[in-house]
Amino acid sequence: MKILICDDEALIRNVIKEYLLLENYEVLEAQNGLEAIDIVRDNDVDLVVMDIMMPKMDGYQAVREIKKIKDVPFIMLSARNEEFDKLIGFDIGIDDYVTKPFSPKELIARIKAVTKRTKGEDATYKSETLVLDDLAHEVTIDGEPVDLTPKEYDLLKYLMQNKNIALSRDTILSNIWGYDFYGDERTVDTHVKTLRNNLGKYRDVIKTVRGMGYKFDAKEKSK
């Protein structure tokens, strides 16, 4: 799978590249939007990680031009965390938005989630006898269905998709409730609490990361 990294900062490109190579992705690089357009035109790119603020052509315009060539998924990078910037990105068709500074591991997790989603893959996520079947939209433990609310299901799915990755409360809010959600981070805590209760003997697979958020511990053993 080919991933194009478009950012005018070589250090950021190199960090992302190192993590992508560890995951056996093929990596292409561009330092501005014009270069990115040429690369997409000449290569079979599967996903683009695109910075916003760049010389010659910014990320927004580059996304618009690239989409005329190929309908490729985008993850936008930006040092700006304003809702207006995010809304522009989603309006032009990006798939995710990551604010700098960011965790490279979390970015890799988001890349995996976006590629699965955009390729239309049906996924089943497992931890021992805890199974989330996304095709059936069902969670079971020991073969018995678990009654979850839609948000609890989405939360569990997102955590399982990003197993062993520490996810901030803000990241969880953005991906599960959306960027236009007006609640606060306590919403995440409340839903994690009820989800844990519903998971019974698997409640401890959802670990609290102190001062940050939560992660799904795929190595946790049931009692």
Protein backbone atom coordinates (compact mmCIF):
# COMPACT_ATOMS: atom_id res chain seq x y z
CA MET A 1 0.00 0.00 0.00
CA LYS A 2 1.37 3.42 -1.00
CA ILE A 3 1.02 6.36 1.37
CA LEU A 4 1.89 9.90 0.24
CA ILE A 5 3.12 12.29 2.94
CA CYS A 6 2.80 15.93 1.92
CA ASP A 7 4.33 18.40 4.38
CA ASP A 8 6.85 21.21 3.92
CA GLU A 9 8.65 20.21 7.14
CA ALA A 10 11.20 17.47 6.41
CA LEU A 11 11.37 16.45 10.08
CA ILE A 12 7.65 15.69 10.21
CA ARG A 13 7.82 13.76 6.94
CA ASN A 14 10.75 11.70 8.24
CA VAL A 15 9.04 10.83 11.53
CA ILE A 16 5.84 9.71 9.80
CA LYS A 17 7.85 7.83 7.18
CA GLU A 18 9.79 5.86 9.80
CA TYR A 19 6.59 4.66 11.46
CA LEU A 20 4.94 3.82 8.13
CA LEU A 21 7.96 1.78 7.02
CA LEU A 22 7.79 -0.19 10.26
CA GLU A 23 4.23 -1.12 9.24
CA ASN A 24 5.48 -2.18 5.77
CA TYR A 25 3.82 0.66 3.87
CA GLU A 26 5.45 2.08 0.75
CA VAL A 27 6.05 5.79 1.30
CA LEU A 28 6.11 8.69 -1.15
CA GLU A 29 6.96 12.27 -0.16
CA ALA A 30 6.02 15.77 -1.31
CA GLN A 31 6.90 19.14 0.24
CA ASN A 32 4.03 21.14 -1.25
CA GLY A 33 0.66 20.69 -2.91
CA LEU A 34 1.99 20.97 -6.47
CA GLU A 35 4.42 18.12 -5.91
CA ALA A 36 1.64 16.03 -4.36
CA ILE A 37 -0.56 16.49 -7.43
CA ASP A 38 2.22 15.30 -9.74
CA ILE A 39 2.93 12.27 -7.55
CA VAL A 40 -0.73 11.21 -7.43
CA ARG A 41 -0.97 11.65 -11.18
CA ASP A 42 2.03 9.37 -11.77
CA ASN A 43 1.57 6.80 -8.97
CA ASP A 44 -1.14 4.52 -7.63
CA VAL A 45 -1.45 6.23 -4.23
CA ASP A 46 -3.76 4.61 -1.66
CA LEU A 47 -3.91 7.42 0.94
CA VAL A 48 -2.55 10.96 1.38
CA VAL A 49 -1.43 12.54 4.65
CA MET A 50 -1.72 16.26 3.79
CA ASP A 51 -0.51 19.32 5.70
CA ILE A 52 -2.57 22.51 5.35
CA MET A 53 -0.09 25.39 5.54
CA MET A 54 2.50 24.94 2.77
CA PRO A 55 4.20 27.17 0.18
CA LYS A 56 3.15 27.29 -3.50
CA MET A 57 -0.20 25.53 -2.84
CA ASP A 58 -1.91 24.88 0.49
CA GLY A 59 -3.41 21.57 1.52
CA TYR A 60 -7.02 22.56 0.90
CA GLN A 61 -6.39 23.45 -2.74
CA ALA A 62 -4.21 20.38 -3.21
CA VAL A 63 -7.02 18.14 -1.95
CA ARG A 64 -9.45 19.74 -4.41
CA GLU A 65 -7.08 19.26 -7.34
CA ILE A 66 -6.10 15.71 -6.42
CA LYS A 67 -9.74 14.66 -6.13
CA LYS A 68 -10.14 15.66 -9.79
CA ILE A 69 -7.50 13.05 -10.60
CA LYS A 70 -8.33 10.26 -8.18
CA ASP A 71 -10.79 9.66 -5.34
CA VAL A 72 -8.12 8.93 -2.74
CA PRO A 73 -8.70 9.16 1.04
CA PHE A 74 -7.05 12.04 2.93
CA ILE A 75 -5.90 12.64 6.49
CA MET A 76 -5.29 16.35 7.06
CA LEU A 77 -2.51 17.62 9.33
CA SER A 78 -2.60 21.08 10.86
CA ALA A 79 -1.16 23.09 13.73
CA ARG A 80 -4.51 24.86 13.86
CA ASN A 81 -7.27 23.36 15.97
CA GLU A 82 -10.09 25.72 15.02
CA GLU A 83 -13.47 24.19 14.22
CA PHE A 84 -13.64 26.34 11.07
CA ASP A 85 -10.49 24.71 9.66
CA LYS A 86 -11.81 21.23 10.35
CA LEU A 87 -15.16 21.99 8.74
CA ILE A 88 -13.47 23.26 5.58
CA GLY A 89 -11.51 20.03 5.40
CA PHE A 90 -14.55 17.81 5.77
CA ASP A 91 -16.51 19.94 3.33
CA ILE A 92 -13.92 19.26 0.61
CA GLY A 93 -13.90 15.55 1.35
CA ILE A 94 -11.11 14.66 3.77
CA ASP A 95 -11.55 11.55 5.89
CA ASP A 96 -9.83 12.57 9.13
CA TYR A 97 -8.14 15.59 10.73
CA VAL A 98 -5.09 15.39 13.01
CA THR A 99 -3.81 18.37 14.98
CA LYS A 100 -0.09 18.98 15.47
CA PRO A 101 1.70 18.01 17.60
CA PHE A 102 0.45 14.46 17.27
CA SER A 103 1.40 10.95 18.31
CA PRO A 104 2.88 9.04 15.33
CA LYS A 105 1.37 5.83 16.70
CA GLU A 106 -2.08 7.41 16.80
CA LEU A 107 -1.62 8.69 13.24
CA ILE A 108 -0.77 5.16 12.08
CA ALA A 109 -3.89 3.87 13.85
CA ARG A 110 -5.99 6.48 12.07
CA ILE A 111 -4.43 5.58 8.72
CA LYS A 112 -5.37 1.93 9.28
CA ALA A 113 -8.92 2.87 10.28
CA VAL A 114 -9.41 5.15 7.27
CA THR A 115 -8.07 2.60 4.79
CA LYS A 116 -10.34 -0.11 6.21
CA ARG A 117 -13.35 2.20 6.08
CA THR A 118 -12.73 3.56 2.60
CA LYS A 119 -12.03 0.12 1.13
CA GLY A 120 -15.38 -1.05 2.49
CA GLU A 121 -13.88 -3.91 4.45
CA ASP A 122 -16.17 -5.79 6.81
CA ALA A 123 -14.23 -6.37 10.00
CA THR A 124 -14.48 -8.64 12.99
CA TYR A 125 -12.54 -7.62 16.09
CA LYS A 126 -11.74 -10.17 18.79
CA SER A 127 -10.20 -10.42 22.22
CA GLU A 128 -10.54 -14.00 23.44
CA THR A 129 -14.31 -14.61 23.49
CA LEU A 130 -15.23 -10.92 23.18
CA VAL A 131 -16.18 -10.48 19.52
CA LEU A 132 -17.36 -7.40 17.65
CA ASP A 133 -18.84 -8.39 14.26
CA ASP A 134 -19.22 -5.18 12.30
CA LEU A 135 -21.06 -6.88 9.44
CA ALA A 136 -23.76 -8.09 11.82
CA HIS A 137 -23.36 -4.96 13.99
CA GLU A 138 -23.24 -7.24 17.00
CA VAL A 139 -21.06 -7.73 20.08
CA THR A 140 -20.93 -11.11 21.79
CA ILE A 141 -19.20 -12.59 24.84
CA ASP A 142 -18.93 -16.40 24.96
CA GLY A 143 -21.35 -16.43 22.02
CA GLU A 144 -24.01 -14.47 23.91
CA PRO A 145 -25.07 -11.03 22.58
CA VAL A 146 -24.19 -7.93 24.60
CA ASP A 147 -26.77 -5.14 24.68
CA LEU A 148 -24.98 -1.88 23.86
CA THR A 149 -26.29 1.55 22.92
CA PRO A 150 -25.20 2.82 19.47
CA LYS A 151 -22.58 5.12 21.02
CA GLU A 152 -21.25 2.33 23.26
CA TYR A 153 -20.93 0.10 20.18
CA ASP A 154 -19.10 2.82 18.23
CA LEU A 155 -16.83 3.49 21.19
CA LEU A 156 -15.93 -0.18 21.62
CA LYS A 157 -15.34 -0.57 17.89
CA TYR A 158 -13.04 2.47 17.77
CA LEU A 159 -11.04 1.26 20.76
CA MET A 160 -10.72 -2.25 19.30
CA GLN A 161 -9.71 -0.88 15.90
CA ASN A 162 -6.90 0.97 17.66
CA LYS A 163 -5.94 -1.77 20.12
CA ASN A 164 -3.00 -1.00 22.41
CA ILE A 165 -2.95 2.63 21.20
CA ALA A 166 -3.47 5.32 23.84
CA LEU A 167 -6.26 7.61 22.59
CA SER A 168 -6.93 11.01 24.09
CA ARG A 169 -10.42 11.96 25.20
CA ASP A 170 -10.45 14.72 22.57
CA THR A 171 -9.57 12.22 19.83
CA ILE A 172 -12.33 9.87 20.97
CA LEU A 173 -14.83 12.72 21.10
CA SER A 174 -13.93 13.84 17.59
CA ASN A 175 -14.18 10.37 16.07
CA ILE A 176 -17.27 9.10 17.90
CA TRP A 177 -19.32 12.23 18.54
CA GLY A 178 -18.04 14.40 15.69
CA TYR A 179 -16.19 17.69 15.48
CA ASP A 180 -19.35 19.72 15.96
CA PHE A 181 -20.20 18.10 19.31
CA TYR A 182 -20.66 20.75 22.02
CA GLY A 183 -20.27 18.51 25.07
CA ASP A 184 -17.08 18.02 27.06
CA GLU A 185 -14.63 15.21 27.75
CA ARG A 186 -16.72 13.90 30.67
CA THR A 187 -19.03 12.47 28.01
CA VAL A 188 -16.27 10.01 27.12
CA ASP A 189 -15.73 9.05 30.77
CA THR A 190 -19.45 8.43 31.27
CA HIS A 191 -19.74 6.19 28.21
CA VAL A 192 -16.57 4.28 29.09
CA LYS A 193 -18.02 3.58 32.54
CA THR A 194 -21.30 2.20 31.18
CA LEU A 195 -19.48 0.26 28.44
CA ARG A 196 -17.23 -1.38 31.02
CA ASN A 197 -20.27 -2.38 33.07
CA ASN A 198 -21.86 -3.98 30.01
CA LEU A 199 -18.68 -5.91 29.15
CA GLY A 200 -18.75 -7.80 32.46
CA LYS A 201 -15.65 -9.97 32.79
CA TYR A 202 -14.02 -8.02 29.94
CA ARG A 203 -14.44 -4.64 31.60
CA ASP A 204 -10.68 -4.42 32.24
CA VAL A 205 -9.71 -4.61 28.57
CA ILE A 206 -10.46 -0.86 28.48
CA LYS A 207 -7.55 0.71 30.32
CA THR A 208 -7.42 4.26 31.64
CA VAL A 209 -4.35 6.18 30.48
CA ARG A 210 -3.84 8.66 33.29
CA GLY A 211 -4.00 12.31 32.25
CA MET A 212 -4.85 11.38 28.65
CA GLY A 213 -7.68 8.99 27.87
CA TYR A 214 -8.13 5.28 27.21
CA LYS A 215 -6.84 2.29 25.27
CA PHE A 216 -8.04 -1.22 24.46
CA ASP A 217 -5.60 -3.69 25.98
CA ALA A 218 -5.70 -6.65 23.62
CA LYS A 219 -3.35 -8.62 25.88
CA GLU A 220 -5.71 -8.47 28.87
CA LYS A 221 -6.83 -11.92 30.02
CA SER A 222 -10.28 -12.58 31.39
CA LYS A 223 -10.59 -13.94 34.88
